[in-house]
Protein backbone atom coordinates (compact mmCIF):
# COMPACT_ATOMS: atom_id res chain seq x y z
CA MET A 1 6.07 32.34 3.12
CA LYS A 2 5.04 33.15 -0.84
CA LYS A 3 6.62 29.73 -1.83
CA THR A 4 4.11 28.43 0.92
CA LEU A 5 1.42 30.50 -0.70
CA THR A 6 2.42 28.66 -4.05
CA TYR A 7 0.99 25.09 -2.68
CA ILE A 8 -2.39 25.98 -1.18
CA PRO A 9 -4.28 25.88 -4.47
CA GLY A 10 -2.93 22.28 -5.83
CA PHE A 11 -3.72 21.04 -2.03
CA ILE A 12 -7.33 22.38 -1.28
CA ILE A 13 -7.98 20.66 -5.12
CA ALA A 14 -6.41 17.60 -3.63
CA LEU A 15 -8.62 17.84 -0.61
CA LEU A 16 -11.71 18.53 -2.57
CA ILE A 17 -10.74 15.27 -4.97
CA ALA A 18 -10.59 13.67 -1.32
CA SER A 19 -13.87 14.13 0.43
CA PHE A 20 -15.54 13.54 -3.17
CA ALA A 21 -14.17 10.25 -3.37
CA ARG A 22 -14.97 9.62 0.13
CA TRP A 23 -18.72 10.77 -0.38
CA ILE A 24 -18.68 8.09 -3.21
CA GLU A 25 -17.17 5.51 -0.64
CA SER A 26 -20.02 6.39 1.32
CA LEU A 27 -22.83 5.15 -0.57
CA LEU A 28 -21.45 1.81 -1.77
CA PRO A 29 -23.85 -0.60 -0.38
CA LEU A 30 -20.18 -2.96 0.08
CA PRO A 31 -16.67 -1.77 0.64
CA LEU A 32 -15.91 -2.62 -2.79
CA ILE A 33 -13.46 -0.08 -3.70
CA GLY A 34 -11.38 2.29 -1.02
CA ASP A 35 -11.41 6.13 -0.96
CA SER A 36 -7.65 6.07 -1.99
CA VAL A 37 -8.18 4.42 -5.14
CA ILE A 38 -11.41 6.22 -6.51
CA ALA A 39 -9.48 9.47 -5.56
CA LEU A 40 -6.38 8.27 -7.80
CA PHE A 41 -9.48 6.92 -10.90
CA ILE A 42 -10.80 10.83 -10.46
CA GLY A 43 -7.53 12.56 -10.71
CA MET A 44 -6.03 10.57 -13.76
CA THR A 45 -9.43 11.48 -15.07
CA ILE A 46 -9.25 15.19 -14.63
CA ASN A 47 -5.59 14.83 -16.25
CA GLN A 48 -6.93 13.59 -19.26
CA ILE A 49 -9.56 15.98 -19.65
CA ARG A 50 -7.42 19.01 -18.67
CA LYS A 51 -3.71 18.87 -17.79
CA PRO A 52 -3.14 20.77 -14.23
CA SER A 53 -2.29 24.40 -14.57
CA LYS A 54 1.37 26.28 -13.66
CA ILE A 55 -0.90 27.74 -10.43
CA ILE A 56 -1.94 24.21 -9.30
CA GLU A 57 1.23 22.18 -10.00
CA ALA A 58 3.40 23.30 -7.38
CA GLY A 59 0.49 22.20 -4.72
CA LEU A 60 -0.22 19.02 -6.46
CA LYS A 61 3.44 18.43 -6.31
CA PHE A 62 3.43 19.41 -2.50
CA THR A 63 0.99 17.00 -1.84
CA SER A 64 1.87 13.96 -3.54
CA LYS A 65 5.28 14.43 -1.80
CA LYS A 66 5.74 16.03 1.40
CA ILE A 67 1.88 15.25 1.98
CA LEU A 68 2.11 11.89 1.56
CA LYS A 69 4.98 11.11 3.91
CA PHE A 70 3.33 13.16 6.60
CA SER A 71 0.11 10.47 6.11
CA ILE A 72 2.43 7.56 6.52
CA ILE A 73 3.98 9.11 9.72
CA LEU A 74 0.70 9.78 11.31
CA LEU A 75 -0.49 6.27 9.99
CA GLY A 76 1.89 5.21 12.62
CA ALA A 77 -0.30 5.98 15.66
CA SER A 78 -2.52 3.16 14.91
CA LEU A 79 -0.21 0.38 15.16
CA SER A 80 1.09 -1.07 18.32
CA ILE A 81 3.36 -4.10 18.60
CA GLY A 82 0.98 -5.73 20.80
CA THR A 83 -1.20 -6.49 18.09
CA ILE A 84 1.53 -9.13 17.06
CA LEU A 85 1.35 -10.45 20.21
CA ASN A 86 -2.72 -11.11 19.77
CA ILE A 87 -2.98 -12.20 17.17
CA GLY A 88 -0.39 -15.26 17.52
CA ARG A 89 2.68 -17.11 15.97
CA LEU A 90 -0.27 -18.72 13.36
CA SER A 91 -0.87 -15.01 11.42
CA LEU A 92 3.43 -14.66 11.50
CA THR A 93 3.97 -17.66 9.89
CA VAL A 94 1.85 -17.30 7.10
CA MET A 95 2.89 -13.81 6.65
CA LEU A 96 6.31 -14.89 6.34
CA PHE A 97 5.56 -17.31 3.39
CA THR A 98 3.56 -15.02 1.65
CA LEU A 99 6.28 -12.06 1.77
CA LEU A 100 8.69 -14.56 0.62
CA THR A 101 6.47 -15.44 -2.30
CA CYS A 102 5.67 -11.60 -3.39
CA PHE A 103 9.55 -10.20 -3.41
CA GLY A 104 11.22 -13.22 -4.03
CA GLY A 105 8.78 -14.76 -6.62
CA GLY A 106 7.79 -11.18 -7.96
CA TYR A 107 11.64 -10.35 -8.38
CA PHE A 108 12.18 -13.13 -10.87
CA ILE A 109 8.57 -12.01 -12.50
CA GLY A 110 9.37 -8.89 -13.10
CA LYS A 111 13.01 -10.06 -14.49
CA TRP A 112 11.16 -12.24 -16.83
CA LEU A 113 8.29 -9.56 -17.77
CA GLY A 114 11.60 -6.85 -17.99
CA LEU A 115 9.60 -4.37 -15.46
CA ASP A 116 11.34 -1.91 -14.08
CA TRP A 117 12.70 -2.88 -10.56
CA LYS A 118 10.39 0.04 -8.79
CA LEU A 119 7.55 -0.49 -10.25
CA SER A 120 7.57 -4.79 -9.54
CA ASN A 121 8.37 -4.17 -6.20
CA MET A 122 6.05 -1.76 -5.76
CA ILE A 123 3.35 -4.31 -7.30
CA SER A 124 4.96 -6.73 -4.84
CA ALA A 125 4.51 -4.12 -1.94
CA GLY A 126 0.66 -3.85 -2.65
CA THR A 127 0.11 -7.24 -2.87
CA GLY A 128 1.94 -8.90 0.32
CA ILE A 129 1.41 -6.11 2.49
CA CYS A 130 -1.59 -3.87 2.26
CA GLY A 131 -2.60 -2.37 -0.91
CA GLY A 132 -2.15 1.38 -1.59
CA SER A 133 -0.64 2.18 2.02
CA ALA A 134 2.42 0.07 1.00
CA ILE A 135 2.78 1.42 -2.37
CA ALA A 136 2.34 4.68 -1.43
CA ALA A 137 4.99 4.24 1.99
CA MET A 138 7.34 2.49 -0.78
CA ALA A 139 7.40 5.27 -3.51
CA PRO A 140 9.39 8.35 -1.89
CA VAL A 141 12.33 5.63 -0.32
CA ILE A 142 12.79 4.36 -3.89
CA GLU A 143 11.68 7.81 -6.13
CA ALA A 144 9.26 5.84 -8.11
CA GLU A 145 7.40 8.22 -11.14
CA ASP A 146 3.50 9.24 -9.79
CA LYS A 147 2.63 6.94 -13.38
CA ASP A 148 4.62 3.68 -11.87
CA VAL A 149 2.49 4.61 -8.37
CA ALA A 150 -0.60 4.77 -10.57
CA TYR A 151 0.21 1.89 -12.05
CA ALA A 152 1.03 -0.39 -9.38
CA MET A 153 -2.01 0.92 -7.58
CA SER A 154 -4.75 -0.01 -10.24
CA ALA A 155 -2.19 -3.31 -10.67
CA THR A 156 -3.75 -4.67 -7.02
CA PHE A 157 -7.10 -2.52 -7.25
CA LEU A 158 -8.39 -4.75 -10.41
CA PHE A 159 -7.18 -8.19 -8.27
CA ASP A 160 -8.86 -7.08 -5.11
CA MET A 161 -12.38 -6.85 -7.16
CA ALA A 162 -12.10 -10.64 -8.26
CA MET A 163 -11.14 -11.49 -4.43
CA ILE A 164 -13.80 -10.00 -2.82
CA VAL A 165 -16.46 -11.60 -5.23
CA LEU A 166 -14.29 -15.00 -5.15
CA PHE A 167 -13.22 -15.63 -1.85
CA PRO A 168 -16.00 -16.52 0.15
CA ILE A 169 -17.22 -18.85 -2.64
CA MET A 170 -14.02 -20.78 -2.40
CA GLY A 171 -13.75 -20.50 1.47
CA ARG A 172 -17.67 -22.55 1.54
CA MET A 173 -16.13 -24.96 -1.33
CA ILE A 174 -12.84 -25.61 0.87
CA GLY A 175 -14.97 -25.96 4.33
CA LEU A 176 -13.03 -23.70 6.11
CA SER A 177 -13.61 -22.83 9.67
CA ASP A 178 -14.00 -19.01 10.73
CA MET A 179 -10.48 -18.83 12.02
CA ALA A 180 -8.87 -20.63 9.08
CA TYR A 181 -10.95 -18.24 6.37
CA GLY A 182 -10.19 -15.29 8.28
CA LEU A 183 -6.65 -15.97 8.13
CA TRP A 184 -6.33 -16.81 4.46
CA THR A 185 -8.02 -13.43 3.78
CA GLY A 186 -6.00 -11.49 6.05
CA THR A 187 -2.99 -12.29 4.62
CA ALA A 188 -4.22 -13.09 0.86
CA VAL A 189 -6.23 -10.14 -0.08
CA ASN A 190 -4.65 -6.96 -0.44
CA ASP A 191 -6.07 -3.61 0.86
CA THR A 192 -8.00 -3.48 4.21
CA SER A 193 -11.12 -2.18 2.66
CA SER A 194 -11.34 -5.77 0.72
CA VAL A 195 -9.95 -7.94 3.04
CA VAL A 196 -13.21 -5.97 5.56
CA ALA A 197 -15.78 -6.91 2.76
CA ALA A 198 -14.37 -10.62 1.73
CA GLY A 199 -13.58 -11.53 5.38
CA TYR A 200 -17.22 -10.02 6.70
CA ALA A 201 -19.20 -11.61 3.14
CA PHE A 202 -18.22 -15.28 5.17
CA SER A 203 -18.74 -14.48 8.54
CA GLU A 204 -18.67 -11.67 11.31
CA SER A 205 -16.37 -13.89 13.63
CA ALA A 206 -14.08 -14.09 9.73
CA GLY A 207 -14.31 -10.67 9.48
CA ASP A 208 -12.90 -9.84 12.42
CA PHE A 209 -10.48 -12.08 12.61
CA ALA A 210 -9.35 -11.00 9.07
CA THR A 211 -9.50 -7.55 10.06
CA MET A 212 -7.39 -7.86 13.16
CA VAL A 213 -4.40 -10.12 10.63
CA LYS A 214 -4.33 -7.34 8.44
CA LEU A 215 -3.27 -4.81 10.90
CA THR A 216 -0.50 -7.20 11.97
CA ARG A 217 0.48 -7.40 8.01
CA THR A 218 0.52 -4.12 7.82
CA LEU A 219 3.48 -3.64 10.42
CA SER A 220 5.89 -5.68 7.84
CA ILE A 221 5.81 -1.81 5.87
CA ILE A 222 8.75 -1.02 8.91
CA PRO A 223 11.44 -3.38 7.69
CA VAL A 224 10.59 -3.79 3.95
CA VAL A 225 10.67 0.19 3.37
CA LEU A 226 13.78 0.33 5.35
CA ILE A 227 15.39 -2.66 3.44
CA PHE A 228 14.39 -0.91 0.46
CA SER A 229 16.19 2.27 1.04
CA LEU A 230 18.93 0.56 1.27
CA ILE A 231 18.68 -1.24 -2.01
CA ASN A 232 17.59 2.31 -3.48
CA VAL A 233 20.78 4.03 -1.77
CA HIS A 234 22.89 1.16 -3.34
CA VAL A 235 21.55 1.32 -7.01
CA ASN A 236 22.24 4.81 -7.10
CA THR A 237 25.88 4.67 -5.68
CA LYS A 238 26.53 2.87 -8.88
CA ASN A 239 29.03 3.98 -10.94
CA THR A 240 28.38 4.18 -14.88
CA ASP A 241 30.53 1.51 -15.11
CA GLY A 242 28.69 -0.69 -12.71
CA SER A 243 31.14 -0.35 -10.10
CA ILE A 244 30.27 0.71 -6.61
CA ALA A 245 30.66 4.26 -5.78
CA ASN A 246 32.16 5.75 -1.97
CA TYR A 247 29.88 5.11 0.19
CA ASN A 248 31.44 7.68 2.92
CA ASN A 249 29.39 9.91 0.39
CA VAL A 250 26.09 8.85 1.55
CA LYS A 251 23.86 10.35 3.63
CA ILE A 252 22.92 8.49 7.13
CA THR A 253 19.23 10.36 6.01
CA SER A 254 18.95 8.11 2.89
CA LEU A 255 19.51 5.26 4.46
CA PHE A 256 17.02 5.80 7.15
CA PRO A 257 14.27 8.23 5.89
CA TRP A 258 13.15 10.38 8.62
CA PHE A 259 8.96 10.11 7.77
CA ILE A 260 10.12 6.05 8.42
CA ILE A 261 11.83 6.99 11.49
CA ALA A 262 9.30 9.03 12.71
CA PHE A 263 6.81 6.30 11.57
CA VAL A 264 7.85 3.69 13.90
CA GLY A 265 8.40 6.28 16.78
CA MET A 266 4.89 6.68 16.48
CA SER A 267 4.11 3.11 16.12
CA LEU A 268 5.99 2.52 19.09
CA ILE A 269 4.49 5.31 21.79
CA ASN A 270 1.05 4.39 20.37
CA SER A 271 2.43 0.71 21.41
CA LEU A 272 3.77 1.99 25.36
CA GLY A 273 0.05 3.45 25.42
CA PHE A 274 0.71 7.07 25.03
CA PHE A 275 -2.07 7.30 22.50
CA SER A 276 -5.55 6.76 23.95
CA ILE A 277 -7.60 4.78 21.55
CA ALA A 278 -9.63 8.33 20.80
CA VAL A 279 -6.39 10.19 19.55
CA SER A 280 -5.29 7.12 18.00
CA THR A 281 -8.15 6.89 16.34
CA GLY A 282 -8.33 10.40 15.43
CA LEU A 283 -4.97 10.50 13.66
CA LYS A 284 -5.49 7.38 11.73
CA ASN A 285 -8.51 9.34 10.39
CA ILE A 286 -6.21 12.41 9.39
CA SER A 287 -3.59 9.96 8.29
CA LYS A 288 -6.08 8.19 5.74
CA PHE A 289 -7.82 11.23 4.34
CA LEU A 290 -4.10 12.94 3.66
CA MET A 291 -3.06 10.06 2.06
CA VAL A 292 -6.12 9.67 -0.07
CA SER A 293 -5.53 13.68 -1.10
CA ALA A 294 -2.23 12.63 -1.64
CA LEU A 295 -2.97 9.91 -4.16
CA ALA A 296 -5.90 12.36 -5.65
CA ALA A 297 -2.47 14.79 -6.54
CA ILE A 298 -0.55 11.62 -7.98
CA GLY A 299 -3.74 11.12 -10.28
CA MET A 300 -4.06 14.53 -11.80
CA ASN A 301 -0.16 14.32 -12.32
CA THR A 302 -0.65 10.98 -14.06
CA ASP A 303 -1.08 11.30 -17.78
CA PHE A 304 -2.83 8.06 -18.96
CA ASN A 305 -1.39 7.49 -21.86
CA GLU A 306 2.35 7.65 -20.41
CA MET A 307 0.70 4.91 -18.20
CA LYS A 308 0.17 2.36 -21.13
CA LYS A 309 3.42 3.07 -22.52
CA SER A 310 4.38 0.19 -19.63
CA GLY A 311 2.04 -2.26 -21.99
CA ILE A 312 0.31 -5.20 -20.12
CA ASN A 313 3.33 -6.59 -18.43
CA PRO A 314 2.84 -4.70 -14.77
CA MET A 315 -0.79 -6.07 -14.90
CA ILE A 316 0.51 -9.59 -15.68
CA HIS A 317 3.04 -9.66 -13.14
CA GLY A 318 0.15 -8.33 -10.64
CA PHE A 319 -2.20 -11.10 -11.89
CA ILE A 320 0.80 -13.65 -10.98
CA ILE A 321 1.93 -12.60 -7.88
CA SER A 322 -1.91 -12.72 -6.85
CA ALA A 323 -2.11 -15.98 -7.45
CA LEU A 324 0.61 -17.26 -6.13
CA VAL A 325 -0.22 -15.79 -2.73
CA VAL A 326 -3.69 -17.19 -2.78
CA VAL A 327 -2.62 -20.28 -3.10
CA VAL A 328 0.43 -20.13 -0.60
CA ALA A 329 -1.24 -19.14 1.97
CA ILE A 330 -3.97 -21.40 1.57
CA THR A 331 -0.96 -23.99 1.22
CA VAL A 332 0.77 -22.95 4.49
CA GLU A 333 -2.86 -23.47 6.28
CA TYR A 334 -3.00 -26.78 4.99
CA PHE A 335 0.52 -28.08 6.61
CA MET A 336 -0.03 -26.10 9.90
CA GLY A 337 -3.32 -28.24 10.23
CA LEU A 338 -5.80 -25.60 9.85
CA VAL A 339 -7.53 -26.69 7.00
């Protein structure tokens, strides 16, 4: 009980920052910047002004680790396997190629730039799946440091801002239909708020379709996180001489993290219709708010000077991957006869 009380001050501060970030987002005429990114930057700014004291440090770590995992579990309640069937094979084909581009191309680009594999793949996940949510889901599985989470978020966020402005312009120049544009936006733009902004800037129909495609894309969190859980175990079981350690010592819980299993369970329960629309929406809203709080805590745990040590290479990685995804998505649509 005494240990639990030590978490309260830091947790409350993270909640307050999340509330403030959500208020700032509500003042924006368009959803240009998501509340999660705002909260992250507010937390980093506070860290620059004054480092967290011992009183709030424990609560910030609890929020950035435990609360983050709990928010991901609740996120499952808003996802439905049936969404895939409703959108159809068109979006799945494009998503397959964009995901292969992100993680396949991202692997070689990360190697070329000399990036740590955790940071490189979080940037790829943020670009290929759903921005901050994918980065947040992957971070605890691969045991990423807070500064790498913050850097990955920053890299994907910067290019989202450019895409919001450029996508409607490029879509009209190419002469895309509402469906083709919605499919392109839903598979190539990262964060949900950015997809909504870019989609509805083109037309209402394009915005509706882009949002549905984005929801389908979010489901790819499940296999991606499970795969990287296995990769992390493989990396951690290597001996210092490069040989592989005895896998008999590996716990099954490290192969399939409990919170991801619970996340899948929640999505299956929702798919079977056990959650009403009101309950599903309510759990999604709680999930998003707690995730914003966790990112606020990550920001407060992140020293900007430590981030600067990574240099410009993570941003170059994010730019190249984002550009490749945009090109690959529209190329696949072209060969499918949609453009």
